[in-house]
Amino acid sequence: MLTNKNRDEQPIADLPIQHKSIPIMRQNKDFQPTKELQPCATCADCPMFSDFQDSRNRGWCSAFDKLARTHHPRTNSCEFAIKEYEDQTKIEVGVTLCSHELDIDDDGAIFPKEERIISLFVEEITKKAVYEAFEAHQHDFPGFYILAYHRCYPDAEF
């Protein structure tokens, strides 16, 4: 029984009951911790970084000509600068190729039927580096093998 005095104060039992469902997010119980985190590349790993070996972990970045810290992460700009640096430091090598086919001259000496000289770019002048560089072009020279190689000096005068 309601009166004007307590019209807004209805007893709880008299209120209509509404059934509502509230979605509850379940907890993932299949959690597996990730494997060890992989450290990102830093200035200390960069070929263009010279470490001062001081207590503040500083060094010189040749890519940007400024001071840097060993723990700084490498950015895309760093990667482009490193790639450009590595491309500039490649060494041009002259490679003498000989064919497997042999020929005999008038004196009876045996020599390769065909000889070609090509140039390749390598990071260091070693037999392994030259042969690895030649593998990429070997399909262009079927039947040829490397006879000799030497460093090219494009500005040299003979």
C-alpha atoms as a PDB file:
ATOM      1  CA  MET A   1       0.000   0.000   0.000  1.00  0.00           C
ATOM      2  CA  LEU A   2       1.518   3.228  -1.196  1.00  0.00           C
ATOM      3  CA  THR A   3       0.937   6.652   0.081  1.00  0.00           C
ATOM      4  CA  ASN A   4       2.013   9.992  -1.346  1.00  0.00           C
ATOM      5  CA  LYS A   5       4.599  10.245   1.332  1.00  0.00           C
ATOM      6  CA  ASN A   6       6.562   7.180   0.316  1.00  0.00           C
ATOM      7  CA  ARG A   7       5.525   6.791  -3.305  1.00  0.00           C
ATOM      8  CA  ASP A   8       9.141   6.882  -4.470  1.00  0.00           C
ATOM      9  CA  GLU A   9      10.220   4.541  -1.729  1.00  0.00           C
ATOM     10  CA  GLN A  10       8.755   1.219  -2.781  1.00  0.00           C
ATOM     11  CA  PRO A  11       9.767  -1.819  -0.816  1.00  0.00           C
ATOM     12  CA  ILE A  12      12.248  -3.984  -2.716  1.00  0.00           C
ATOM     13  CA  ALA A  13       9.949  -6.982  -2.683  1.00  0.00           C
ATOM     14  CA  ASP A  14       7.299  -5.103  -4.667  1.00  0.00           C
ATOM     15  CA  LEU A  15       9.666  -4.200  -7.563  1.00  0.00           C
ATOM     16  CA  PRO A  16       9.369  -6.356 -10.683  1.00  0.00           C
ATOM     17  CA  ILE A  17      12.326  -8.725 -11.116  1.00  0.00           C
ATOM     18  CA  GLN A  18      14.118  -8.643 -14.439  1.00  0.00           C
ATOM     19  CA  HIS A  19      16.398 -11.458 -15.467  1.00  0.00           C
ATOM     20  CA  LYS A  20      19.454 -10.207 -17.328  1.00  0.00           C
ATOM     21  CA  SER A  21      22.528 -12.174 -18.179  1.00  0.00           C
ATOM     22  CA  ILE A  22      25.865 -10.445 -18.006  1.00  0.00           C
ATOM     23  CA  PRO A  23      28.552 -11.925 -20.227  1.00  0.00           C
ATOM     24  CA  ILE A  24      31.719 -12.671 -18.316  1.00  0.00           C
ATOM     25  CA  MET A  25      34.981 -13.124 -20.176  1.00  0.00           C
ATOM     26  CA  ARG A  26      36.585 -16.392 -19.311  1.00  0.00           C
ATOM     27  CA  GLN A  27      40.208 -16.527 -18.335  1.00  0.00           C
ATOM     28  CA  ASN A  28      42.533 -18.267 -20.725  1.00  0.00           C
ATOM     29  CA  LYS A  29      43.918 -21.230 -18.840  1.00  0.00           C
ATOM     30  CA  ASP A  30      46.010 -22.485 -21.765  1.00  0.00           C
ATOM     31  CA  PHE A  31      48.602 -19.781 -21.270  1.00  0.00           C
ATOM     32  CA  GLN A  32      52.105 -20.790 -22.231  1.00  0.00           C
ATOM     33  CA  PRO A  33      54.953 -18.375 -21.621  1.00  0.00           C
ATOM     34  CA  THR A  34      56.837 -17.274 -24.699  1.00  0.00           C
ATOM     35  CA  LYS A  35      60.321 -18.472 -25.307  1.00  0.00           C
ATOM     36  CA  GLU A  36      63.210 -16.213 -24.492  1.00  0.00           C
ATOM     37  CA  LEU A  37      62.871 -12.737 -25.927  1.00  0.00           C
ATOM     38  CA  GLN A  38      65.196 -12.023 -28.807  1.00  0.00           C
ATOM     39  CA  PRO A  39      67.336  -8.956 -28.179  1.00  0.00           C
ATOM     40  CA  CYS A  40      67.115  -6.325 -30.874  1.00  0.00           C
ATOM     41  CA  ALA A  41      70.161  -5.204 -32.805  1.00  0.00           C
ATOM     42  CA  THR A  42      71.900  -2.241 -31.209  1.00  0.00           C
ATOM     43  CA  CYS A  43      74.630   0.211 -32.115  1.00  0.00           C
ATOM     44  CA  ALA A  44      77.169  -2.099 -30.472  1.00  0.00           C
ATOM     45  CA  ASP A  45      76.466  -4.693 -33.217  1.00  0.00           C
ATOM     46  CA  CYS A  46      76.797  -2.189 -36.070  1.00  0.00           C
ATOM     47  CA  PRO A  47      79.866  -2.321 -38.363  1.00  0.00           C
ATOM     48  CA  MET A  48      79.833   1.482 -38.547  1.00  0.00           C
ATOM     49  CA  PHE A  49      80.007   1.999 -34.766  1.00  0.00           C
ATOM     50  CA  SER A  50      83.307   2.602 -32.955  1.00  0.00           C
ATOM     51  CA  ASP A  51      82.962   1.902 -29.235  1.00  0.00           C
ATOM     52  CA  PHE A  52      84.884   4.266 -26.925  1.00  0.00           C
ATOM     53  CA  GLN A  53      84.873   1.598 -24.175  1.00  0.00           C
ATOM     54  CA  ASP A  54      84.009   4.238 -21.578  1.00  0.00           C
ATOM     55  CA  SER A  55      81.786   4.002 -18.505  1.00  0.00           C
ATOM     56  CA  ARG A  56      78.908   5.819 -20.239  1.00  0.00           C
ATOM     57  CA  ASN A  57      78.690   3.280 -23.101  1.00  0.00           C
ATOM     58  CA  ARG A  58      79.349   5.871 -25.786  1.00  0.00           C
ATOM     59  CA  GLY A  59      80.839   5.526 -29.218  1.00  0.00           C
ATOM     60  CA  TRP A  60      81.009   7.155 -32.638  1.00  0.00           C
ATOM     61  CA  CYS A  61      78.436   6.402 -35.334  1.00  0.00           C
ATOM     62  CA  SER A  62      80.106   6.768 -38.737  1.00  0.00           C
ATOM     63  CA  ALA A  63      76.755   6.446 -40.513  1.00  0.00           C
ATOM     64  CA  PHE A  64      75.438   9.698 -39.055  1.00  0.00           C
ATOM     65  CA  ASP A  65      78.726  11.285 -37.856  1.00  0.00           C
ATOM     66  CA  LYS A  66      77.623  11.734 -34.262  1.00  0.00           C
ATOM     67  CA  LEU A  67      77.926  10.270 -30.784  1.00  0.00           C
ATOM     68  CA  ALA A  68      75.748   7.285 -29.996  1.00  0.00           C
ATOM     69  CA  ARG A  69      75.295   4.841 -27.145  1.00  0.00           C
ATOM     70  CA  THR A  70      75.952   1.126 -27.397  1.00  0.00           C
ATOM     71  CA  HIS A  71      72.426   0.224 -26.249  1.00  0.00           C
ATOM     72  CA  HIS A  72      70.539   2.293 -28.851  1.00  0.00           C
ATOM     73  CA  PRO A  73      68.383   0.090 -31.104  1.00  0.00           C
ATOM     74  CA  ARG A  74      69.163   0.074 -34.815  1.00  0.00           C
ATOM     75  CA  THR A  75      66.508   1.760 -36.942  1.00  0.00           C
ATOM     76  CA  ASN A  76      65.563   1.463 -40.611  1.00  0.00           C
ATOM     77  CA  SER A  77      67.721   4.513 -41.312  1.00  0.00           C
ATOM     78  CA  CYS A  78      70.650   2.661 -39.751  1.00  0.00           C
ATOM     79  CA  GLU A  79      69.982  -0.416 -41.873  1.00  0.00           C
ATOM     80  CA  PHE A  80      69.949   1.671 -45.079  1.00  0.00           C
ATOM     81  CA  ALA A  81      73.205   3.398 -44.088  1.00  0.00           C
ATOM     82  CA  ILE A  82      74.854   0.043 -43.294  1.00  0.00           C
ATOM     83  CA  LYS A  83      73.739  -1.424 -46.634  1.00  0.00           C
ATOM     84  CA  GLU A  84      75.097   1.597 -48.496  1.00  0.00           C
ATOM     85  CA  TYR A  85      78.389   1.331 -46.572  1.00  0.00           C
ATOM     86  CA  GLU A  86      78.729  -2.380 -47.340  1.00  0.00           C
ATOM     87  CA  ASP A  87      78.013  -1.759 -51.034  1.00  0.00           C
ATOM     88  CA  GLN A  88      80.762   0.854 -51.135  1.00  0.00           C
ATOM     89  CA  THR A  89      83.304  -1.407 -49.464  1.00  0.00           C
ATOM     90  CA  LYS A  90      83.023  -4.198 -52.027  1.00  0.00           C
ATOM     91  CA  ILE A  91      86.222  -4.862 -53.947  1.00  0.00           C
ATOM     92  CA  GLU A  92      86.295  -5.324 -57.721  1.00  0.00           C
ATOM     93  CA  VAL A  93      88.137  -8.454 -58.794  1.00  0.00           C
ATOM     94  CA  GLY A  94      89.170  -9.384 -62.327  1.00  0.00           C
ATOM     95  CA  VAL A  95      88.553 -13.084 -62.958  1.00  0.00           C
ATOM     96  CA  THR A  96      90.109 -15.020 -65.828  1.00  0.00           C
ATOM     97  CA  LEU A  97      87.829 -17.787 -67.078  1.00  0.00           C
ATOM     98  CA  CYS A  98      88.981 -20.629 -69.313  1.00  0.00           C
ATOM     99  CA  SER A  99      86.909 -23.121 -71.232  1.00  0.00           C
ATOM    100  CA  HIS A 100      87.189 -26.817 -70.518  1.00  0.00           C
ATOM    101  CA  GLU A 101      87.653 -27.385 -74.260  1.00  0.00           C
ATOM    102  CA  LEU A 102      91.307 -27.596 -75.185  1.00  0.00           C
ATOM    103  CA  ASP A 103      93.090 -26.825 -78.416  1.00  0.00           C
ATOM    104  CA  ILE A 104      96.561 -27.699 -79.719  1.00  0.00           C
ATOM    105  CA  ASP A 105      98.745 -25.100 -81.411  1.00  0.00           C
ATOM    106  CA  ASP A 106     101.364 -25.634 -84.164  1.00  0.00           C
ATOM    107  CA  ASP A 107     104.060 -26.498 -81.623  1.00  0.00           C
ATOM    108  CA  GLY A 108     101.893 -29.178 -79.973  1.00  0.00           C
ATOM    109  CA  ALA A 109     101.170 -27.129 -76.839  1.00  0.00           C
ATOM    110  CA  ILE A 110      97.755 -27.572 -75.273  1.00  0.00           C
ATOM    111  CA  PHE A 111      95.816 -24.465 -74.267  1.00  0.00           C
ATOM    112  CA  PRO A 112      92.194 -23.575 -73.498  1.00  0.00           C
ATOM    113  CA  LYS A 113      90.117 -22.993 -76.612  1.00  0.00           C
ATOM    114  CA  GLU A 114      88.490 -19.880 -75.173  1.00  0.00           C
ATOM    115  CA  GLU A 115      89.426 -17.405 -72.442  1.00  0.00           C
ATOM    116  CA  ARG A 116      87.375 -14.560 -70.963  1.00  0.00           C
ATOM    117  CA  ILE A 117      87.995 -11.930 -68.307  1.00  0.00           C
ATOM    118  CA  ILE A 118      85.070 -10.765 -66.183  1.00  0.00           C
ATOM    119  CA  SER A 119      84.833  -8.582 -63.087  1.00  0.00           C
ATOM    120  CA  LEU A 120      83.089  -9.524 -59.854  1.00  0.00           C
ATOM    121  CA  PHE A 121      82.563  -7.656 -56.595  1.00  0.00           C
ATOM    122  CA  VAL A 122      83.582  -9.350 -53.338  1.00  0.00           C
ATOM    123  CA  GLU A 123      83.942  -8.270 -49.716  1.00  0.00           C
ATOM    124  CA  GLU A 124      87.457  -9.686 -49.428  1.00  0.00           C
ATOM    125  CA  ILE A 125      89.892 -11.139 -51.919  1.00  0.00           C
ATOM    126  CA  THR A 126      89.919 -14.813 -51.030  1.00  0.00           C
ATOM    127  CA  LYS A 127      89.445 -17.914 -53.145  1.00  0.00           C
ATOM    128  CA  LYS A 128      86.214 -18.736 -51.310  1.00  0.00           C
ATOM    129  CA  ALA A 129      84.728 -15.245 -51.808  1.00  0.00           C
ATOM    130  CA  VAL A 130      85.606 -15.221 -55.531  1.00  0.00           C
ATOM    131  CA  TYR A 131      84.139 -18.690 -56.111  1.00  0.00           C
ATOM    132  CA  GLU A 132      80.960 -17.784 -54.197  1.00  0.00           C
ATOM    133  CA  ALA A 133      80.550 -14.614 -56.270  1.00  0.00           C
ATOM    134  CA  PHE A 134      81.119 -16.606 -59.485  1.00  0.00           C
ATOM    135  CA  GLU A 135      78.441 -19.179 -58.551  1.00  0.00           C
ATOM    136  CA  ALA A 136      75.731 -16.562 -59.094  1.00  0.00           C
ATOM    137  CA  HIS A 137      76.975 -16.026 -62.690  1.00  0.00           C
ATOM    138  CA  GLN A 138      78.067 -19.558 -63.526  1.00  0.00           C
ATOM    139  CA  HIS A 139      74.964 -20.185 -65.679  1.00  0.00           C
ATOM    140  CA  ASP A 140      76.150 -17.341 -67.952  1.00  0.00           C
ATOM    141  CA  PHE A 141      79.452 -19.144 -68.587  1.00  0.00           C
ATOM    142  CA  PRO A 142      78.751 -22.857 -69.053  1.00  0.00           C
ATOM    143  CA  GLY A 143      81.861 -24.924 -69.644  1.00  0.00           C
ATOM    144  CA  PHE A 144      84.193 -22.364 -68.037  1.00  0.00           C
ATOM    145  CA  TYR A 145      86.295 -22.528 -64.900  1.00  0.00           C
ATOM    146  CA  ILE A 146      88.273 -19.924 -62.945  1.00  0.00           C
ATOM    147  CA  LEU A 147      91.925 -19.885 -63.956  1.00  0.00           C
ATOM    148  CA  ALA A 148      93.066 -16.838 -61.975  1.00  0.00           C
ATOM    149  CA  TYR A 149      91.797 -13.707 -60.245  1.00  0.00           C
ATOM    150  CA  HIS A 150      93.311 -10.383 -59.231  1.00  0.00           C
ATOM    151  CA  ARG A 151      92.240  -7.071 -57.770  1.00  0.00           C
ATOM    152  CA  CYS A 152      91.143  -4.463 -60.305  1.00  0.00           C
ATOM    153  CA  TYR A 153      92.524  -0.965 -60.015  1.00  0.00           C
ATOM    154  CA  PRO A 154      90.261   1.102 -62.286  1.00  0.00           C
ATOM    155  CA  ASP A 155      92.328   4.300 -61.904  1.00  0.00           C
ATOM    156  CA  ALA A 156      95.663   2.595 -62.541  1.00  0.00           C
ATOM    157  CA  GLU A 157      97.788   3.730 -65.467  1.00  0.00           C
ATOM    158  CA  PHE A 158      99.768   1.183 -67.442  1.00  0.00           C
END
